[in-house]
Amino acid sequence: MNNYKTPTNPDSHQVGMEWMHINDLFKYRIYPKELRKYIIKHFNNEKSPVYLGDIN
């Protein structure tokens, strides 16, 4: 049993998703680019601000 919830407003243009190792994070384009550092901080159990919108 997983703890994930079904999204209430899924992106109709999304074509897929993929799990990746944290060490491979910089091999892929992620938008916004700034999101990478928050993912890494979360992975390292560091406190970081929550992303709430466009920062580009």
Protein backbone atom coordinates (compact mmCIF):
# COMPACT_ATOMS: atom_id res chain seq x y z
CA MET A 1 0.00 0.00 0.00
CA ASN A 2 1.41 3.40 -0.92
CA ASN A 3 0.78 6.75 0.75
CA TYR A 4 0.42 8.72 -2.48
CA LYS A 5 -2.81 10.50 -3.25
CA THR A 6 -4.44 10.83 -6.64
CA PRO A 7 -3.94 14.38 -7.95
CA THR A 8 -7.02 16.57 -7.93
CA ASN A 9 -5.97 18.52 -11.03
CA PRO A 10 -3.63 16.34 -13.14
CA ASP A 11 -1.71 17.89 -16.04
CA SER A 12 -3.52 16.78 -19.20
CA HIS A 13 -0.33 17.35 -21.24
CA GLN A 14 1.88 15.10 -19.10
CA VAL A 15 3.07 12.12 -21.10
CA GLY A 16 4.80 10.16 -18.36
CA MET A 17 6.94 10.15 -15.25
CA GLU A 18 10.16 8.50 -14.30
CA TRP A 19 11.98 7.81 -11.03
CA MET A 20 15.66 8.69 -11.10
CA HIS A 21 18.61 8.45 -8.78
CA ILE A 22 19.42 11.73 -7.04
CA ASN A 23 22.94 11.62 -8.53
CA ASP A 24 21.42 11.79 -12.04
CA LEU A 25 19.39 14.93 -11.32
CA PHE A 26 21.68 17.25 -13.30
CA LYS A 27 21.56 15.05 -16.41
CA TYR A 28 17.94 16.08 -17.11
CA ARG A 29 16.18 19.33 -17.90
CA ILE A 30 13.97 20.33 -15.02
CA TYR A 31 11.83 23.44 -15.06
CA PRO A 32 12.22 25.68 -13.28
CA LYS A 33 15.97 25.02 -12.94
CA GLU A 34 15.93 26.43 -9.40
CA LEU A 35 13.81 23.44 -8.33
CA ARG A 36 16.88 21.15 -8.43
CA LYS A 37 18.46 22.70 -5.35
CA TYR A 38 15.24 22.25 -3.34
CA ILE A 39 15.01 18.59 -4.37
CA ILE A 40 18.61 18.02 -3.26
CA LYS A 41 18.03 19.83 0.06
CA HIS A 42 14.93 17.72 0.70
CA PHE A 43 16.90 14.55 -0.13
CA ASN A 44 19.58 15.58 2.38
CA ASN A 45 16.92 16.32 5.04
CA GLU A 46 17.78 20.03 5.04
CA LYS A 47 15.14 22.64 5.61
CA SER A 48 14.32 24.65 2.51
CA PRO A 49 11.55 26.94 1.36
CA VAL A 50 8.57 25.40 -0.40
CA TYR A 51 8.26 26.09 -4.13
CA LEU A 52 4.92 27.79 -4.79
CA GLY A 53 5.14 29.10 -8.34
CA ASP A 54 7.20 30.37 -11.23
CA ILE A 55 10.60 31.75 -10.26
CA ASN A 56 12.03 32.22 -13.77
